[in-house]
N, C-alpha and C. Protein backbone atom coordinates (compact mmCIF):
# COMPACT_ATOMS: atom_id res chain seq x y z
N UNK A 1 21.08 -57.12 -0.42
CA UNK A 1 21.02 -56.69 0.79
C UNK A 1 21.89 -55.27 0.52
N UNK A 2 22.59 -54.97 0.06
CA UNK A 2 23.22 -53.81 -0.11
C UNK A 2 22.18 -52.69 -0.56
N UNK A 3 21.32 -53.26 -1.23
CA UNK A 3 20.51 -52.23 -1.39
C UNK A 3 18.88 -51.90 -0.54
N UNK A 4 18.96 -52.64 0.57
CA UNK A 4 18.85 -52.50 1.77
C UNK A 4 19.17 -50.99 2.72
N UNK A 5 20.03 -50.83 2.68
CA UNK A 5 21.17 -50.21 3.35
C UNK A 5 21.20 -49.00 2.84
N UNK A 6 20.65 -48.77 1.30
CA UNK A 6 20.24 -47.58 0.73
C UNK A 6 18.97 -47.24 0.71
N UNK A 7 17.75 -48.40 0.83
CA UNK A 7 16.63 -47.55 0.57
C UNK A 7 15.78 -47.51 2.22
N UNK A 8 16.50 -48.38 3.04
CA UNK A 8 15.70 -48.20 4.10
C UNK A 8 15.83 -46.36 4.88
N UNK A 9 17.17 -45.94 4.81
CA UNK A 9 17.48 -44.72 5.06
C UNK A 9 16.85 -43.42 4.40
N UNK A 10 16.77 -44.04 2.87
CA UNK A 10 15.81 -43.37 2.06
C UNK A 10 14.56 -42.76 2.57
N UNK A 11 13.81 -44.42 2.58
CA UNK A 11 12.33 -44.39 3.16
C UNK A 11 12.23 -43.30 3.96
N UNK A 12 12.77 -43.68 5.15
CA UNK A 12 12.61 -43.25 6.49
C UNK A 12 13.09 -41.48 6.45
N UNK A 13 13.88 -41.27 5.45
CA UNK A 13 13.97 -39.78 5.49
C UNK A 13 12.79 -38.80 4.50
N UNK A 14 12.43 -39.68 4.05
CA UNK A 14 11.25 -39.30 3.13
C UNK A 14 9.54 -39.53 3.93
N UNK A 15 9.61 -40.37 4.71
CA UNK A 15 8.70 -40.28 5.41
C UNK A 15 9.01 -39.24 6.98
N UNK A 16 10.07 -38.73 7.11
CA UNK A 16 10.53 -37.53 8.10
C UNK A 16 9.88 -36.53 7.52
N UNK A 17 10.32 -36.45 6.25
CA UNK A 17 10.08 -35.36 5.41
C UNK A 17 8.71 -34.79 5.24
N UNK A 18 7.65 -36.15 5.24
CA UNK A 18 6.45 -35.92 5.04
C UNK A 18 5.61 -35.57 6.15
N UNK A 19 6.22 -36.31 7.23
CA UNK A 19 6.04 -35.62 8.38
C UNK A 19 5.89 -33.90 8.80
N UNK A 20 7.57 -33.59 8.51
CA UNK A 20 7.82 -32.32 8.71
C UNK A 20 6.39 -31.39 8.02
N UNK A 21 6.48 -31.88 6.73
CA UNK A 21 5.45 -30.95 5.77
C UNK A 21 3.79 -31.12 6.33
N UNK A 22 3.32 -31.92 6.86
CA UNK A 22 1.89 -31.98 7.31
C UNK A 22 2.10 -31.03 8.47
N UNK A 23 2.93 -31.18 9.50
CA UNK A 23 3.22 -30.29 10.86
C UNK A 23 3.26 -28.85 10.44
N UNK A 24 3.93 -28.61 9.29
CA UNK A 24 4.10 -27.08 8.93
C UNK A 24 2.36 -26.98 8.41
N UNK A 25 1.92 -27.63 7.30
CA UNK A 25 0.30 -27.61 6.72
C UNK A 25 -0.19 -27.10 8.20
N UNK A 26 -0.18 -27.99 9.40
CA UNK A 26 -1.53 -28.18 10.59
C UNK A 26 -1.16 -26.76 11.25
N UNK A 27 0.36 -26.23 11.24
CA UNK A 27 0.55 -25.04 12.38
C UNK A 27 0.05 -23.70 11.32
N UNK A 28 0.23 -23.60 10.27
CA UNK A 28 -0.26 -22.49 9.47
C UNK A 28 -1.27 -22.39 8.66
N UNK A 29 -2.50 -23.23 9.80
CA UNK A 29 -4.04 -23.07 9.27
C UNK A 29 -4.60 -23.65 7.60
N UNK A 30 -3.72 -24.69 7.20
CA UNK A 30 -4.15 -25.05 6.03
C UNK A 30 -5.59 -26.10 6.29
N UNK A 31 -5.72 -26.10 7.50
CA UNK A 31 -6.81 -27.71 7.78
C UNK A 31 -7.83 -26.72 8.44
N UNK A 32 -8.15 -25.58 8.68
CA UNK A 32 -8.92 -24.63 9.54
C UNK A 32 -10.68 -24.74 8.84
N UNK A 33 -10.69 -24.34 7.44
CA UNK A 33 -11.62 -24.59 7.49
C UNK A 33 -12.05 -25.65 6.49
N UNK A 34 -12.14 -26.34 6.34
CA UNK A 34 -12.68 -27.93 5.35
C UNK A 34 -13.70 -27.81 4.77
N UNK A 35 -15.20 -26.81 5.08
CA UNK A 35 -16.35 -26.79 4.21
C UNK A 35 -16.16 -25.76 3.62
N UNK A 36 -15.49 -24.64 4.13
CA UNK A 36 -15.53 -23.14 3.49
C UNK A 36 -15.39 -23.10 1.91
N UNK A 37 -13.93 -23.86 1.21
CA UNK A 37 -13.78 -24.04 -0.04
C UNK A 37 -15.13 -24.79 -0.74
N UNK A 38 -15.63 -25.75 -0.11
CA UNK A 38 -16.36 -26.75 -0.73
C UNK A 38 -17.88 -25.73 -1.09
N UNK A 39 -18.17 -24.79 -0.07
CA UNK A 39 -19.44 -24.13 -0.40
C UNK A 39 -19.40 -22.83 -0.70
N UNK A 40 -18.19 -22.54 -1.00
CA UNK A 40 -17.94 -21.37 -1.98
C UNK A 40 -18.34 -21.39 -3.33
N UNK A 41 -18.10 -22.79 -3.67
CA UNK A 41 -18.29 -22.68 -5.31
C UNK A 41 -19.69 -22.61 -5.45
N UNK A 42 -20.86 -22.61 -4.55
CA UNK A 42 -21.74 -23.17 -5.00
C UNK A 42 -22.70 -21.60 -4.91
N UNK A 43 -21.87 -20.83 -4.65
CA UNK A 43 -22.71 -19.16 -4.37
C UNK A 43 -21.92 -18.35 -5.17
N UNK A 44 -22.68 -17.53 -5.76
CA UNK A 44 -21.94 -16.27 -6.81
C UNK A 44 -21.26 -15.47 -5.60
N UNK A 45 -19.95 -14.65 -6.34
CA UNK A 45 -19.28 -14.10 -5.48
C UNK A 45 -20.30 -12.63 -5.49
N UNK A 46 -20.69 -12.12 -6.54
CA UNK A 46 -21.38 -10.57 -6.14
C UNK A 46 -22.77 -10.98 -6.98
N UNK A 47 -23.91 -10.01 -6.46
CA UNK A 47 -24.95 -10.32 -7.03
C UNK A 47 -24.73 -9.49 -8.46
N UNK A 48 -25.60 -9.71 -9.52
CA UNK A 48 -25.54 -9.10 -11.07
C UNK A 48 -25.97 -7.92 -11.15
N UNK A 49 -25.46 -6.69 -11.91
CA UNK A 49 -25.69 -5.61 -11.24
C UNK A 49 -26.44 -5.31 -13.17
N UNK A 50 -27.68 -4.53 -12.47
CA UNK A 50 -28.35 -4.21 -13.59
C UNK A 50 -27.58 -2.87 -14.81
N UNK A 51 -28.36 -3.36 -15.76
CA UNK A 51 -27.99 -2.83 -17.24
C UNK A 51 -27.53 -1.46 -17.26
N UNK A 52 -26.56 -0.69 -17.38
CA UNK A 52 -26.43 0.86 -17.34
C UNK A 52 -26.75 1.69 -18.73
N UNK A 53 -27.73 2.54 -18.68
CA UNK A 53 -28.57 3.27 -19.71
C UNK A 53 -27.16 4.27 -20.55
N UNK A 54 -27.36 4.06 -21.91
CA UNK A 54 -26.32 4.84 -22.24
C UNK A 54 -26.70 6.46 -21.83
N UNK A 55 -25.33 7.20 -21.94
CA UNK A 55 -25.80 8.83 -21.44
C UNK A 55 -25.49 9.00 -22.78
N UNK A 56 -26.51 10.15 -23.00
CA UNK A 56 -26.06 11.15 -24.46
C UNK A 56 -24.56 11.93 -24.33
N UNK A 57 -24.45 11.76 -25.65
CA UNK A 57 -22.80 12.98 -25.76
C UNK A 57 -23.12 14.21 -25.20
N UNK A 58 -22.27 15.00 -24.46
CA UNK A 58 -22.24 15.82 -24.09
C UNK A 58 -21.81 16.75 -25.33
N UNK A 59 -22.70 17.86 -25.62
CA UNK A 59 -22.43 18.88 -26.45
C UNK A 59 -21.73 19.89 -26.69
N UNK A 60 -20.88 20.03 -27.24
CA UNK A 60 -19.79 21.30 -27.68
C UNK A 60 -20.42 22.79 -27.23
N UNK A 61 -19.30 23.51 -26.70
CA UNK A 61 -19.58 25.13 -26.40
C UNK A 61 -20.30 25.81 -27.36
N UNK A 62 -20.34 25.18 -28.34
CA UNK A 62 -21.38 26.16 -29.64
C UNK A 62 -23.08 25.32 -29.39
N UNK A 63 -23.14 24.34 -28.75
CA UNK A 63 -24.46 23.63 -29.10
C UNK A 63 -24.06 22.37 -30.00
N UNK A 64 -24.98 21.83 -30.04
CA UNK A 64 -24.89 20.54 -30.68
C UNK A 64 -24.41 20.82 -32.09
N UNK A 65 -23.63 20.15 -32.81
CA UNK A 65 -23.08 19.80 -33.89
C UNK A 65 -23.94 19.12 -35.08
N UNK A 66 -24.20 19.89 -36.13
CA UNK A 66 -25.08 19.61 -37.34
C UNK A 66 -24.53 18.91 -38.17
């Protein structure tokens, strides 16, 4: 019986803590866009960039070296 005197207030405190955490998440906008993250994984972020061609090395002041 003495354990119930400890467990009931502890469980009520955990329940209150969970309620406070849920209300904080609700007010901070955690549940605003539930489908966005699910759809975001299906699409690429950026289109692939075309490959760049190699540019010739710049020549020195006296022309190309031999």
